[in-house]
């Protein structure tokens, strides 16, 4: 089971244990992680996170998520939407950082 660390500038990091197929958005809700959300449906990009470590612990993105990442000109190996991304089985550490507006 992966360990997920959520980080944001000026906020305390939050660490949770992630079940296989667990949605990052649900983990944020349950743990009060410092990741902002708005639409929760891959339409706005508010919940975009930078992958600092452990990208291999995420399932591949679906088309809707890829479309929004493309708008921000970023790739899914370095950025994901917390409202859409899910963890895969395995052990390790996944470290995610909330993306600032100017990034």
C-alpha atoms as a PDB file:
ATOM      1  CA  UNK A   1       0.000   0.000   0.000  1.00  0.00           C
ATOM      2  CA  UNK A   2       1.572   3.319  -1.039  1.00  0.00           C
ATOM      3  CA  UNK A   3       2.073   6.201   1.341  1.00  0.00           C
ATOM      4  CA  UNK A   4       0.892   9.507  -0.142  1.00  0.00           C
ATOM      5  CA  UNK A   5       2.291  12.826   1.059  1.00  0.00           C
ATOM      6  CA  UNK A   6       0.326  15.956   0.109  1.00  0.00           C
ATOM      7  CA  UNK A   7       2.234  19.252   0.284  1.00  0.00           C
ATOM      8  CA  UNK A   8       1.386  22.897  -0.397  1.00  0.00           C
ATOM      9  CA  UNK A   9       3.294  26.126   0.035  1.00  0.00           C
ATOM     10  CA  UNK A  10       2.682  27.584   3.487  1.00  0.00           C
ATOM     11  CA  UNK A  11       0.724  24.550   4.721  1.00  0.00           C
ATOM     12  CA  UNK A  12       1.552  21.538   6.843  1.00  0.00           C
ATOM     13  CA  UNK A  13       2.050  18.373   4.792  1.00  0.00           C
ATOM     14  CA  UNK A  14      -0.408  15.507   5.229  1.00  0.00           C
ATOM     15  CA  UNK A  15       0.527  11.816   4.925  1.00  0.00           C
ATOM     16  CA  UNK A  16      -2.008   9.044   4.289  1.00  0.00           C
ATOM     17  CA  UNK A  17      -1.983   5.349   3.426  1.00  0.00           C
ATOM     18  CA  UNK A  18      -3.500   4.794  -0.013  1.00  0.00           C
ATOM     19  CA  UNK A  19      -5.562   1.744  -0.947  1.00  0.00           C
ATOM     20  CA  UNK A  20      -5.185   0.221  -4.409  1.00  0.00           C
ATOM     21  CA  UNK A  21      -7.340   2.227  -6.800  1.00  0.00           C
ATOM     22  CA  UNK A  22      -7.833   4.931  -4.190  1.00  0.00           C
ATOM     23  CA  UNK A  23      -8.795   8.335  -5.573  1.00  0.00           C
ATOM     24  CA  UNK A  24      -6.509  11.167  -4.502  1.00  0.00           C
ATOM     25  CA  UNK A  25      -9.507  13.487  -4.144  1.00  0.00           C
ATOM     26  CA  UNK A  26     -11.147  11.151  -1.631  1.00  0.00           C
ATOM     27  CA  UNK A  27      -7.899  10.936   0.329  1.00  0.00           C
ATOM     28  CA  UNK A  28      -7.690  14.734   0.418  1.00  0.00           C
ATOM     29  CA  UNK A  29     -11.266  14.967   1.697  1.00  0.00           C
ATOM     30  CA  UNK A  30     -10.742  12.404   4.457  1.00  0.00           C
ATOM     31  CA  UNK A  31      -7.412  13.819   5.637  1.00  0.00           C
ATOM     32  CA  UNK A  32      -7.972  17.549   5.118  1.00  0.00           C
ATOM     33  CA  UNK A  33      -4.933  17.633   2.822  1.00  0.00           C
ATOM     34  CA  UNK A  34      -3.871  21.094   1.576  1.00  0.00           C
ATOM     35  CA  UNK A  35      -4.922  20.570  -2.051  1.00  0.00           C
ATOM     36  CA  UNK A  36      -7.504  23.008  -3.493  1.00  0.00           C
ATOM     37  CA  UNK A  37     -10.531  21.699  -5.415  1.00  0.00           C
ATOM     38  CA  UNK A  38     -13.286  23.320  -7.446  1.00  0.00           C
ATOM     39  CA  UNK A  39     -15.191  21.331 -10.107  1.00  0.00           C
ATOM     40  CA  UNK A  40     -14.004  17.810  -9.179  1.00  0.00           C
ATOM     41  CA  UNK A  41     -14.709  16.673 -12.734  1.00  0.00           C
ATOM     42  CA  UNK A  42     -11.502  17.375 -14.712  1.00  0.00           C
ATOM     43  CA  UNK A  43     -12.781  20.673 -16.087  1.00  0.00           C
ATOM     44  CA  UNK A  44     -10.786  23.385 -14.310  1.00  0.00           C
ATOM     45  CA  UNK A  45      -7.325  22.214 -13.212  1.00  0.00           C
ATOM     46  CA  UNK A  46      -7.630  23.771  -9.741  1.00  0.00           C
ATOM     47  CA  UNK A  47      -6.505  20.511  -8.119  1.00  0.00           C
ATOM     48  CA  UNK A  48      -3.396  20.111 -10.281  1.00  0.00           C
ATOM     49  CA  UNK A  49      -0.510  18.588  -8.340  1.00  0.00           C
ATOM     50  CA  UNK A  50       3.156  18.240  -9.224  1.00  0.00           C
ATOM     51  CA  UNK A  51       4.570  14.765  -8.751  1.00  0.00           C
ATOM     52  CA  UNK A  52       7.704  15.165  -6.647  1.00  0.00           C
ATOM     53  CA  UNK A  53       8.270  11.447  -6.104  1.00  0.00           C
ATOM     54  CA  UNK A  54       6.639   8.112  -6.948  1.00  0.00           C
ATOM     55  CA  UNK A  55       4.851   8.696 -10.275  1.00  0.00           C
ATOM     56  CA  UNK A  56       4.890   4.946 -10.855  1.00  0.00           C
ATOM     57  CA  UNK A  57       2.398   4.546  -7.983  1.00  0.00           C
ATOM     58  CA  UNK A  58      -0.392   6.223  -9.981  1.00  0.00           C
ATOM     59  CA  UNK A  59      -2.666   4.544 -12.513  1.00  0.00           C
ATOM     60  CA  UNK A  60      -2.495   6.000 -16.049  1.00  0.00           C
ATOM     61  CA  UNK A  61      -4.703   9.056 -16.638  1.00  0.00           C
ATOM     62  CA  UNK A  62      -7.941   8.865 -18.605  1.00  0.00           C
ATOM     63  CA  UNK A  63      -8.700  11.083 -21.611  1.00  0.00           C
ATOM     64  CA  UNK A  64     -10.557  13.788 -19.650  1.00  0.00           C
ATOM     65  CA  UNK A  65      -7.587  14.317 -17.353  1.00  0.00           C
ATOM     66  CA  UNK A  66      -5.146  14.328 -20.270  1.00  0.00           C
ATOM     67  CA  UNK A  67      -7.199  17.032 -21.993  1.00  0.00           C
ATOM     68  CA  UNK A  68      -6.900  19.393 -19.006  1.00  0.00           C
ATOM     69  CA  UNK A  69      -3.217  18.638 -18.470  1.00  0.00           C
ATOM     70  CA  UNK A  70      -2.699  19.515 -22.130  1.00  0.00           C
ATOM     71  CA  UNK A  71      -4.347  22.918 -21.558  1.00  0.00           C
ATOM     72  CA  UNK A  72      -1.671  23.622 -18.929  1.00  0.00           C
ATOM     73  CA  UNK A  73       1.029  22.270 -21.262  1.00  0.00           C
ATOM     74  CA  UNK A  74       2.188  19.668 -18.732  1.00  0.00           C
ATOM     75  CA  UNK A  75       2.674  15.919 -18.968  1.00  0.00           C
ATOM     76  CA  UNK A  76       1.122  13.228 -16.747  1.00  0.00           C
ATOM     77  CA  UNK A  77       4.532  11.948 -15.696  1.00  0.00           C
ATOM     78  CA  UNK A  78       5.081  15.228 -13.759  1.00  0.00           C
ATOM     79  CA  UNK A  79       1.555  16.582 -13.084  1.00  0.00           C
ATOM     80  CA  UNK A  80      -1.859  15.093 -12.341  1.00  0.00           C
ATOM     81  CA  UNK A  81      -5.323  16.218 -11.296  1.00  0.00           C
ATOM     82  CA  UNK A  82      -6.049  15.169  -7.720  1.00  0.00           C
ATOM     83  CA  UNK A  83      -9.759  14.891  -8.552  1.00  0.00           C
ATOM     84  CA  UNK A  84      -9.022  12.192 -11.158  1.00  0.00           C
ATOM     85  CA  UNK A  85      -5.783  10.376 -10.274  1.00  0.00           C
ATOM     86  CA  UNK A  86      -5.895   6.994  -8.549  1.00  0.00           C
ATOM     87  CA  UNK A  87      -3.203   4.915  -6.900  1.00  0.00           C
ATOM     88  CA  UNK A  88      -2.063   1.524  -8.113  1.00  0.00           C
ATOM     89  CA  UNK A  89      -1.061  -1.469  -5.997  1.00  0.00           C
ATOM     90  CA  UNK A  90       2.412  -1.506  -4.590  1.00  0.00           C
ATOM     91  CA  UNK A  91       4.594  -0.157  -1.873  1.00  0.00           C
ATOM     92  CA  UNK A  92       6.442   3.108  -1.864  1.00  0.00           C
ATOM     93  CA  UNK A  93       6.065   6.814  -1.350  1.00  0.00           C
ATOM     94  CA  UNK A  94       4.084   9.160  -3.574  1.00  0.00           C
ATOM     95  CA  UNK A  95       4.824  12.826  -2.847  1.00  0.00           C
ATOM     96  CA  UNK A  96       2.539  15.433  -4.409  1.00  0.00           C
ATOM     97  CA  UNK A  97       2.685  19.228  -4.232  1.00  0.00           C
ATOM     98  CA  UNK A  98      -0.191  21.618  -4.947  1.00  0.00           C
ATOM     99  CA  UNK A  99       0.696  23.692  -8.017  1.00  0.00           C
ATOM    100  CA  UNK A 100       0.742  27.469  -7.583  1.00  0.00           C
ATOM    101  CA  UNK A 101      -1.222  29.612 -10.061  1.00  0.00           C
ATOM    102  CA  UNK A 102       1.953  30.997 -11.641  1.00  0.00           C
ATOM    103  CA  UNK A 103       3.490  27.578 -12.390  1.00  0.00           C
END
